[in-house]
N, C-alpha and C. Protein backbone atom coordinates (compact mmCIF):
# COMPACT_ATOMS: atom_id res chain seq x y z
N UNK A 1 2.94 3.76 -21.22
CA UNK A 1 2.25 3.63 -19.84
C UNK A 1 3.04 4.86 -19.29
N UNK A 2 2.76 5.64 -18.72
CA UNK A 2 3.08 6.64 -18.17
C UNK A 2 2.76 6.49 -16.29
N UNK A 3 3.82 6.95 -16.28
CA UNK A 3 4.62 6.79 -14.23
C UNK A 3 2.61 7.15 -13.55
N UNK A 4 2.04 7.87 -13.82
CA UNK A 4 1.13 8.26 -13.37
C UNK A 4 0.08 7.11 -13.01
N UNK A 5 -0.55 6.12 -14.04
CA UNK A 5 -0.84 5.23 -14.76
C UNK A 5 -0.43 4.47 -14.10
N UNK A 6 0.97 3.98 -13.93
CA UNK A 6 1.37 2.96 -13.26
C UNK A 6 1.54 2.68 -11.88
N UNK A 7 1.07 4.16 -11.44
CA UNK A 7 1.10 4.25 -9.43
C UNK A 7 -0.05 4.03 -9.21
N UNK A 8 -1.55 4.10 -10.42
CA UNK A 8 -2.62 3.90 -10.03
C UNK A 8 -3.02 1.94 -10.19
N UNK A 9 -1.70 1.53 -11.01
CA UNK A 9 -2.09 0.39 -10.85
C UNK A 9 -1.21 -0.30 -9.88
N UNK A 10 0.06 -0.10 -9.55
CA UNK A 10 0.28 -0.68 -8.84
C UNK A 10 -0.62 -0.96 -7.35
N UNK A 11 -1.43 0.57 -7.10
CA UNK A 11 -2.53 0.14 -6.03
C UNK A 11 -3.24 -0.48 -5.87
N UNK A 12 -3.96 -0.48 -7.48
CA UNK A 12 -5.06 -1.71 -7.57
C UNK A 12 -4.48 -3.03 -7.27
N UNK A 13 -3.06 -3.36 -7.93
CA UNK A 13 -2.57 -4.25 -7.85
C UNK A 13 -2.32 -5.07 -6.13
N UNK A 14 -1.44 -3.46 -4.90
CA UNK A 14 -1.81 -4.04 -3.80
C UNK A 14 -2.81 -4.15 -3.11
N UNK A 15 -4.22 -3.60 -3.51
CA UNK A 15 -5.76 -4.24 -3.36
C UNK A 15 -6.31 -5.39 -3.72
N UNK A 16 -5.64 -6.27 -4.78
CA UNK A 16 -5.99 -7.13 -5.03
C UNK A 16 -6.91 -7.02 -6.27
N UNK A 17 -6.67 -5.75 -6.76
CA UNK A 17 -7.77 -5.37 -8.21
C UNK A 17 -7.13 -5.24 -9.36
N UNK A 18 -5.69 -5.99 -9.49
CA UNK A 18 -4.86 -5.53 -10.93
C UNK A 18 -5.65 -6.60 -11.68
N UNK A 19 -6.17 -6.09 -13.18
CA UNK A 19 -6.63 -7.03 -13.61
C UNK A 19 -5.90 -7.93 -14.49
N UNK A 20 -5.84 -9.17 -15.37
CA UNK A 20 -4.55 -9.75 -15.42
C UNK A 20 -4.11 -9.01 -16.85
N UNK A 21 -5.15 -8.29 -17.11
CA UNK A 21 -5.29 -7.36 -19.01
C UNK A 21 -4.18 -6.46 -18.57
N UNK A 22 -4.23 -5.61 -17.64
CA UNK A 22 -2.86 -4.71 -16.77
C UNK A 22 -1.81 -5.07 -16.37
N UNK A 23 -1.38 -6.00 -16.14
CA UNK A 23 0.01 -6.85 -15.47
C UNK A 23 0.94 -6.84 -16.17
N UNK A 24 1.25 -7.29 -17.62
CA UNK A 24 2.21 -7.38 -18.55
C UNK A 24 2.77 -5.96 -18.62
N UNK A 25 1.73 -5.02 -18.87
CA UNK A 25 1.97 -3.71 -18.85
C UNK A 25 2.50 -2.93 -17.50
N UNK A 26 1.65 -3.62 -16.54
CA UNK A 26 2.93 -2.74 -16.01
C UNK A 26 4.24 -3.48 -15.55
N UNK A 27 4.38 -4.53 -15.83
CA UNK A 27 5.43 -5.08 -15.25
C UNK A 27 6.63 -4.76 -16.14
N UNK A 28 6.27 -4.57 -17.61
CA UNK A 28 6.84 -4.12 -18.61
C UNK A 28 7.54 -2.66 -18.16
N UNK A 29 6.66 -1.51 -17.46
CA UNK A 29 6.44 -0.42 -17.24
C UNK A 29 8.04 -0.24 -16.14
N UNK A 30 7.54 -1.67 -15.21
CA UNK A 30 8.48 -1.10 -14.35
C UNK A 30 10.00 -1.72 -14.30
N UNK A 31 10.14 -2.42 -15.58
CA UNK A 31 11.59 -2.67 -15.95
C UNK A 31 11.92 -1.87 -16.78
N UNK A 32 11.57 -1.04 -17.11
CA UNK A 32 12.27 0.10 -18.16
C UNK A 32 11.82 1.77 -16.61
N UNK A 33 11.22 1.75 -15.80
CA UNK A 33 11.33 3.31 -15.10
C UNK A 33 11.84 2.68 -13.60
N UNK A 34 13.10 3.43 -13.05
CA UNK A 34 13.67 3.11 -11.86
C UNK A 34 12.30 3.94 -11.20
N UNK A 35 12.60 5.14 -11.15
CA UNK A 35 11.60 5.74 -10.55
C UNK A 35 10.42 5.21 -9.98
N UNK A 36 9.65 4.21 -10.64
CA UNK A 36 8.23 3.48 -9.95
C UNK A 36 8.71 2.44 -9.79
N UNK A 37 9.58 2.17 -9.95
CA UNK A 37 10.91 0.87 -9.30
C UNK A 37 10.63 1.19 -7.97
N UNK A 38 11.57 2.22 -7.58
CA UNK A 38 11.74 3.03 -6.09
C UNK A 38 9.67 3.05 -5.70
N UNK A 39 10.04 3.87 -6.38
CA UNK A 39 7.88 4.10 -6.12
C UNK A 39 7.59 2.41 -5.22
N UNK A 40 7.43 1.83 -6.10
CA UNK A 40 6.65 0.06 -5.50
C UNK A 40 8.02 -0.26 -4.42
N UNK A 41 8.77 -0.05 -4.12
CA UNK A 41 9.88 -0.56 -3.33
C UNK A 41 9.21 0.70 -1.51
N UNK A 42 9.25 1.47 -2.09
CA UNK A 42 8.70 2.42 -0.91
C UNK A 42 7.26 2.18 -0.07
N UNK A 43 6.47 1.67 -1.16
CA UNK A 43 5.01 1.34 -1.22
C UNK A 43 5.11 -0.04 -0.60
N UNK A 44 6.10 -0.98 -0.68
CA UNK A 44 6.00 -2.05 0.00
C UNK A 44 6.31 -2.20 1.48
N UNK A 45 7.77 -1.53 1.34
CA UNK A 45 8.36 -0.61 2.59
C UNK A 45 7.03 -0.14 3.99
N UNK A 46 6.31 0.48 3.47
CA UNK A 46 5.17 1.52 3.92
C UNK A 46 4.06 -0.54 4.68
N UNK A 47 3.82 -0.84 3.22
CA UNK A 47 2.92 -1.88 3.92
C UNK A 47 3.14 -2.99 4.88
N UNK A 48 4.45 -2.93 4.70
CA UNK A 48 4.79 -4.11 5.90
C UNK A 48 5.28 -3.83 7.28
N UNK A 49 5.28 -2.22 7.24
CA UNK A 49 5.42 -1.61 8.65
C UNK A 49 3.86 -1.71 9.01
N UNK A 50 2.82 -1.31 8.55
CA UNK A 50 1.32 -1.19 8.81
C UNK A 50 1.21 -3.09 9.09
N UNK A 51 1.96 -4.18 8.36
CA UNK A 51 1.36 -5.21 8.89
C UNK A 51 1.61 -6.10 10.22
N UNK A 52 3.19 -5.50 10.35
CA UNK A 52 4.14 -5.44 11.84
C UNK A 52 3.45 -4.79 12.89
N UNK A 53 2.83 -3.91 13.03
CA UNK A 53 2.70 -2.85 13.37
C UNK A 53 1.41 -3.97 14.30
N UNK A 54 2.04 -3.48 16.23
CA UNK A 54 0.67 -4.13 16.79
C UNK A 54 -0.90 -3.08 17.33
N UNK A 55 -1.77 -3.60 16.63
CA UNK A 55 -2.77 -2.89 17.07
C UNK A 55 -3.21 -2.30 17.96
N UNK A 56 -3.80 -0.95 17.81
CA UNK A 56 -4.38 -0.56 19.54
C UNK A 56 -5.67 -1.17 20.13
N UNK A 57 -4.90 -1.56 21.28
CA UNK A 57 -6.39 -1.85 22.17
C UNK A 57 -6.68 -0.75 23.35
N UNK A 58 -7.71 -0.29 23.20
CA UNK A 58 -8.22 0.77 24.43
C UNK A 58 -8.46 0.11 25.54
N UNK A 59 -7.52 1.01 26.38
CA UNK A 59 -8.21 0.83 28.33
C UNK A 59 -9.22 0.41 28.38
N UNK A 60 -9.82 -0.61 29.53
CA UNK A 60 -10.68 -0.64 30.04
C UNK A 60 -11.04 0.29 30.52
N UNK A 61 -10.46 1.37 30.99
CA UNK A 61 -11.23 2.21 32.13
C UNK A 61 -12.91 2.87 31.64
N UNK A 62 -14.00 3.05 32.32
CA UNK A 62 -14.93 3.59 31.68
C UNK A 62 -14.98 5.36 32.18
N UNK A 63 -15.90 5.98 30.47
CA UNK A 63 -15.76 7.30 30.57
C UNK A 63 -16.58 7.71 32.23
N UNK A 64 -17.14 7.03 32.78
CA UNK A 64 -17.89 7.24 34.35
C UNK A 64 -16.72 7.35 34.89
N UNK A 65 -15.86 6.25 34.97
CA UNK A 65 -14.80 6.07 35.93
C UNK A 65 -13.58 7.73 36.01
N UNK A 66 -13.58 8.07 34.78
CA UNK A 66 -12.82 9.04 34.24
C UNK A 66 -13.92 10.27 34.45
N UNK A 67 -14.73 10.77 34.14
CA UNK A 67 -15.71 12.12 34.98
C UNK A 67 -15.72 12.36 36.40
N UNK A 68 -15.59 10.74 36.90
CA UNK A 68 -15.43 11.02 38.59
C UNK A 68 -13.78 10.57 39.09
């Protein structure tokens, strides 16, 4: 497996779309490839940041009020 394919499979895994048939191949690649392991860690860290982010709540001021 090439790194490009592994990164696509990692994205599918994060989305919950990774077929069972690809799990073993991806895990074997990750065991042998430090670059893809690092990529997986970075993606996990980014995902964690988004999960912890406070959702944006728009203000209650109306457009009419702003225009006045």
